[in-house]
Protein backbone atom coordinates (compact mmCIF):
# COMPACT_ATOMS: atom_id res chain seq x y z
CA UNK A 1 -6.65 36.89 -7.39
CA UNK A 2 -4.40 33.85 -7.07
CA UNK A 3 -5.90 30.43 -6.59
CA UNK A 4 -5.00 29.07 -3.11
CA UNK A 5 -2.58 26.12 -3.14
CA UNK A 6 -5.09 23.68 -1.71
CA UNK A 7 -7.58 24.53 -4.52
CA UNK A 8 -4.93 24.16 -7.15
CA UNK A 9 -3.92 20.72 -5.72
CA UNK A 10 -7.57 19.59 -5.67
CA UNK A 11 -8.14 20.72 -9.28
CA UNK A 12 -4.86 18.99 -10.38
CA UNK A 13 -5.90 15.75 -8.68
CA UNK A 14 -9.29 15.72 -10.32
CA UNK A 15 -7.81 16.63 -13.63
CA UNK A 16 -5.46 13.66 -13.42
CA UNK A 17 -8.34 11.45 -12.45
CA UNK A 18 -10.50 12.58 -15.38
CA UNK A 19 -7.69 12.05 -17.84
CA UNK A 20 -7.04 8.56 -16.57
CA UNK A 21 -10.65 7.62 -16.64
CA UNK A 22 -11.07 8.87 -20.21
CA UNK A 23 -7.93 7.54 -21.67
CA UNK A 24 -6.83 4.75 -19.29
CA UNK A 25 -6.20 1.34 -20.75
CA UNK A 26 -4.94 -1.85 -19.24
CA UNK A 27 -1.45 -0.45 -19.41
CA UNK A 28 -2.40 2.70 -17.44
CA UNK A 29 -5.23 1.56 -15.10
CA UNK A 30 -6.06 -1.52 -13.07
CA UNK A 31 -9.27 -2.13 -11.05
CA UNK A 32 -8.46 -3.64 -7.62
CA UNK A 33 -10.60 -4.74 -4.69
CA UNK A 34 -9.41 -4.66 -1.10
CA UNK A 35 -10.21 -8.17 0.34
CA UNK A 36 -8.55 -7.97 3.78
CA UNK A 37 -8.27 -5.45 6.66
CA UNK A 38 -4.49 -5.03 6.62
CA UNK A 39 -4.72 -1.50 5.46
CA UNK A 40 -7.71 -0.62 7.54
CA UNK A 41 -7.73 3.05 8.55
CA UNK A 42 -6.69 3.97 5.00
CA UNK A 43 -8.48 1.30 2.90
CA UNK A 44 -11.49 -0.81 3.95
CA UNK A 45 -12.47 -4.34 3.05
CA UNK A 46 -14.67 -3.83 -0.01
CA UNK A 47 -13.07 -0.72 -1.37
CA UNK A 48 -12.95 -0.95 -5.20
CA UNK A 49 -9.93 1.09 -6.46
CA UNK A 50 -8.33 2.35 -9.67
CA UNK A 51 -4.60 1.77 -9.56
CA UNK A 52 -2.40 4.19 -11.44
CA UNK A 53 0.10 2.00 -13.30
CA UNK A 54 1.83 4.89 -15.02
CA UNK A 55 3.42 6.74 -12.22
CA UNK A 56 6.22 4.22 -11.45
CA UNK A 57 6.71 3.15 -15.08
CA UNK A 58 9.98 3.88 -16.76
CA UNK A 59 9.42 7.13 -18.85
CA UNK A 60 10.38 7.42 -22.54
CA UNK A 61 11.92 10.44 -24.20
CA UNK A 62 8.51 11.86 -25.08
CA UNK A 63 6.18 10.84 -22.29
CA UNK A 64 8.49 12.04 -19.51
CA UNK A 65 7.63 15.63 -20.44
CA UNK A 66 3.81 14.93 -20.13
CA UNK A 67 3.28 12.56 -17.30
CA UNK A 68 4.32 12.70 -13.62
CA UNK A 69 6.65 9.71 -13.56
CA UNK A 70 8.59 9.25 -10.27
CA UNK A 71 10.04 6.38 -8.25
CA UNK A 72 8.47 4.88 -5.21
CA UNK A 73 8.72 7.19 -2.16
CA UNK A 74 8.69 6.37 1.47
CA UNK A 75 4.99 6.56 2.59
CA UNK A 76 3.44 5.61 -0.73
CA UNK A 77 0.57 3.19 -0.83
CA UNK A 78 1.65 0.52 -3.32
CA UNK A 79 0.10 -2.36 -5.20
CA UNK A 80 2.58 -5.06 -6.02
CA UNK A 81 2.85 -8.72 -7.11
CA UNK A 82 3.22 -10.79 -3.98
CA UNK A 83 6.81 -12.12 -4.01
CA UNK A 84 5.73 -15.59 -2.85
CA UNK A 85 2.89 -15.84 -5.47
CA UNK A 86 3.27 -13.55 -8.49
CA UNK A 87 -0.34 -14.25 -9.53
CA UNK A 88 -1.57 -12.41 -6.48
CA UNK A 89 -1.56 -8.63 -5.94
CA UNK A 90 -1.22 -7.09 -2.56
CA UNK A 91 -1.61 -3.47 -1.25
CA UNK A 92 0.62 -2.22 1.57
CA UNK A 93 2.50 0.97 2.40
CA UNK A 94 6.19 1.47 1.41
CA UNK A 95 7.82 2.07 4.66
CA UNK A 96 11.53 1.61 3.76
CA UNK A 97 13.30 2.53 0.39
CA UNK A 98 16.87 1.54 -0.53
CA UNK A 99 19.40 2.65 2.10
CA UNK A 100 16.83 3.28 4.85
CA UNK A 101 17.60 1.99 8.42
CA UNK A 102 14.43 1.07 10.14
CA UNK A 103 13.14 -0.86 13.19
CA UNK A 104 10.11 -0.88 15.40
CA UNK A 105 10.05 0.03 19.07
CA UNK A 106 6.85 -1.01 20.93
CA UNK A 107 4.89 -0.83 17.60
CA UNK A 108 6.41 2.61 16.64
CA UNK A 109 8.43 3.05 13.53
CA UNK A 110 11.97 4.31 14.08
CA UNK A 111 13.71 5.63 10.96
CA UNK A 112 17.42 6.39 11.10
CA UNK A 113 17.20 6.34 14.84
CA UNK A 114 14.28 8.78 15.10
CA UNK A 115 10.69 7.72 16.15
CA UNK A 116 8.21 8.68 13.33
CA UNK A 117 4.71 9.83 13.55
CA UNK A 118 2.36 7.70 11.43
CA UNK A 119 -1.19 9.14 11.77
CA UNK A 120 -2.56 6.53 9.19
CA UNK A 121 -1.84 3.45 11.29
CA UNK A 122 -4.25 1.59 13.53
CA UNK A 123 -3.36 -0.75 16.33
CA UNK A 124 -4.84 -3.67 18.20
CA UNK A 125 -4.26 -4.71 21.81
CA UNK A 126 -1.58 -7.29 22.64
CA UNK A 127 2.20 -7.53 22.16
CA UNK A 128 4.43 -9.74 20.10
CA UNK A 129 8.19 -9.29 20.55
CA UNK A 130 9.09 -9.91 16.81
CA UNK A 131 6.13 -8.11 15.22
CA UNK A 132 6.12 -5.05 17.55
CA UNK A 133 9.91 -4.67 18.07
CA UNK A 134 10.89 -5.78 14.65
CA UNK A 135 13.53 -7.07 13.77
CA UNK A 136 14.39 -8.12 17.37
CA UNK A 137 13.52 -11.57 18.75
CA UNK A 138 12.93 -13.30 15.36
CA UNK A 139 9.92 -15.59 15.46
CA UNK A 140 10.45 -19.34 15.17
CA UNK A 141 9.40 -20.77 11.83
CA UNK A 142 9.66 -17.59 9.74
CA UNK A 143 9.24 -18.09 6.00
CA UNK A 144 12.72 -18.69 4.36
CA UNK A 145 12.48 -15.27 2.47
CA UNK A 146 11.96 -13.42 5.80
CA UNK A 147 14.82 -15.36 7.50
CA UNK A 148 17.11 -14.49 4.59
CA UNK A 149 16.12 -10.79 4.86
CA UNK A 150 17.07 -10.74 8.52
CA UNK A 151 20.29 -12.67 7.96
CA UNK A 152 21.49 -10.53 5.13
CA UNK A 153 20.24 -7.01 5.99
CA UNK A 154 20.08 -6.48 9.70
CA UNK A 155 22.88 -4.29 11.09
CA UNK A 156 23.01 -3.47 14.80
CA UNK A 157 19.40 -4.15 15.37
CA UNK A 158 18.14 -2.24 12.30
CA UNK A 159 16.95 -3.40 8.90
CA UNK A 160 18.95 -1.70 6.16
CA UNK A 161 16.86 -1.91 2.96
CA UNK A 162 19.05 -3.03 0.06
CA UNK A 163 19.10 -1.53 -3.38
CA UNK A 164 16.29 -2.67 -5.65
CA UNK A 165 13.91 -3.52 -2.80
CA UNK A 166 11.10 -1.94 -0.75
CA UNK A 167 10.07 -2.82 2.81
CA UNK A 168 6.30 -2.68 3.07
CA UNK A 169 3.89 -2.91 5.98
CA UNK A 170 0.12 -2.72 6.36
CA UNK A 171 -1.38 0.30 8.14
CA UNK A 172 -3.37 -2.08 10.40
CA UNK A 173 -0.05 -3.09 11.97
CA UNK A 174 -1.13 -5.98 14.17
CA UNK A 175 -3.43 -7.53 11.53
CA UNK A 176 -1.13 -7.47 8.52
CA UNK A 177 0.91 -10.23 6.81
CA UNK A 178 3.73 -8.07 5.37
CA UNK A 179 7.37 -7.73 4.85
CA UNK A 180 8.06 -8.63 8.43
CA UNK A 181 6.80 -12.12 7.66
CA UNK A 182 7.73 -12.79 3.95
CA UNK A 183 10.58 -10.50 3.17
CA UNK A 184 11.33 -7.47 0.90
CA UNK A 185 9.34 -6.44 -2.19
CA UNK A 186 11.45 -6.40 -5.35
CA UNK A 187 11.12 -3.03 -7.12
CA UNK A 188 10.11 -4.66 -10.38
CA UNK A 189 7.12 -6.25 -8.66
CA UNK A 190 5.46 -2.96 -7.98
CA UNK A 191 2.40 -2.42 -10.17
CA UNK A 192 1.40 1.13 -9.22
CA UNK A 193 -0.43 3.21 -6.55
CA UNK A 194 -4.14 3.39 -5.69
CA UNK A 195 -5.54 6.82 -6.52
CA UNK A 196 -9.36 6.58 -6.56
CA UNK A 197 -11.97 4.61 -4.74
CA UNK A 198 -14.71 4.36 -7.32
CA UNK A 199 -17.05 2.23 -5.15
CA UNK A 200 -17.01 0.81 -1.75
CA UNK A 201 -19.22 -2.08 -0.70
CA UNK A 202 -19.51 -3.56 2.84
CA UNK A 203 -18.72 -7.19 2.22
CA UNK A 204 -16.77 -9.85 4.18
CA UNK A 205 -13.29 -10.98 3.34
CA UNK A 206 -14.44 -14.43 2.34
CA UNK A 207 -16.67 -13.00 -0.37
CA UNK A 208 -13.92 -10.89 -1.81
CA UNK A 209 -10.92 -13.39 -1.55
CA UNK A 210 -12.38 -15.53 -4.34
CA UNK A 211 -10.81 -14.13 -7.64
CA UNK A 212 -14.10 -14.94 -9.47
CA UNK A 213 -16.29 -13.06 -6.88
CA UNK A 214 -18.76 -15.91 -6.43
CA UNK A 215 -22.47 -16.02 -6.89
CA UNK A 216 -23.14 -15.34 -3.23
CA UNK A 217 -21.32 -11.96 -3.42
CA UNK A 218 -23.19 -11.07 -6.61
CA UNK A 219 -26.44 -11.81 -4.99
CA UNK A 220 -25.49 -9.83 -1.99
CA UNK A 221 -24.69 -6.81 -4.22
CA UNK A 222 -28.00 -7.16 -6.09
CA UNK A 223 -30.04 -7.26 -2.90
CA UNK A 224 -28.10 -4.69 -0.86
CA UNK A 225 -26.41 -2.33 -3.32
CA UNK A 226 -28.10 0.80 -1.85
CA UNK A 227 -27.71 -0.02 1.84
CA UNK A 228 -24.32 -1.59 1.88
CA UNK A 229 -22.53 0.77 -0.49
CA UNK A 230 -20.44 3.23 1.50
CA UNK A 231 -21.62 6.32 -0.36
CA UNK A 232 -19.24 8.60 1.63
CA UNK A 233 -16.24 6.74 0.16
CA UNK A 234 -17.33 7.00 -3.49
CA UNK A 235 -14.80 8.92 -5.65
CA UNK A 236 -12.54 9.18 -2.63
CA UNK A 237 -8.96 10.09 -3.64
CA UNK A 238 -6.34 7.83 -2.02
CA UNK A 239 -3.43 9.99 -0.84
CA UNK A 240 0.02 8.74 0.26
CA UNK A 241 1.65 10.18 3.31
CA UNK A 242 5.26 11.43 2.87
CA UNK A 243 7.51 9.97 5.42
CA UNK A 244 10.49 12.35 5.45
CA UNK A 245 13.94 11.16 6.32
CA UNK A 246 14.87 12.71 9.65
CA UNK A 247 17.49 15.41 9.58
């Protein structure tokens, strides 16, 4: 009897996870904690992740036959070096890849003129002309990088993503500081993609924003490990959502 496709996919995902956990090094894996709610709905504040750093790496003649290398695809959740501060890593979703024509209409993504369904997004009340109808009505006082993106890459009301760059947004659309505000992500800045939540702890942003994770956070973990751990998210696989180009 043939194994159903879903079962095969699940077995494959766990096989990759096991291999990475057993053989991962700093060149293959990176631990990452989510400090803000910009990806809420997909990733929560306090999610501790393993990031697969291999998938987007340039393959060599030998490894390309063994490992699933590929380029960034539209809809991937990506971890990247923040263009305005390369010492800081951010996590967002790749919404536009080179050549894509995108804009927002009343908070909804429009790709090549077709409204897209994005089941992973969450929204808050309120309306902002620039944020929710991007790139219309540019905000006053945009960062220079965002202003340059608009000046150089907007054609007839749409952002056209240039070669070598990715347009990224958070899933929590009204609570995300993303490419709308600081510009495009250079392809070489992308570190990898989250693939496994190995632990999730209900902690506030201020505790997790400190790179050293201060004494207060460590005490909180020691006192409330059992009650504040989100056990239902332990070993949860992070899946991207393919955003197909409209026909």
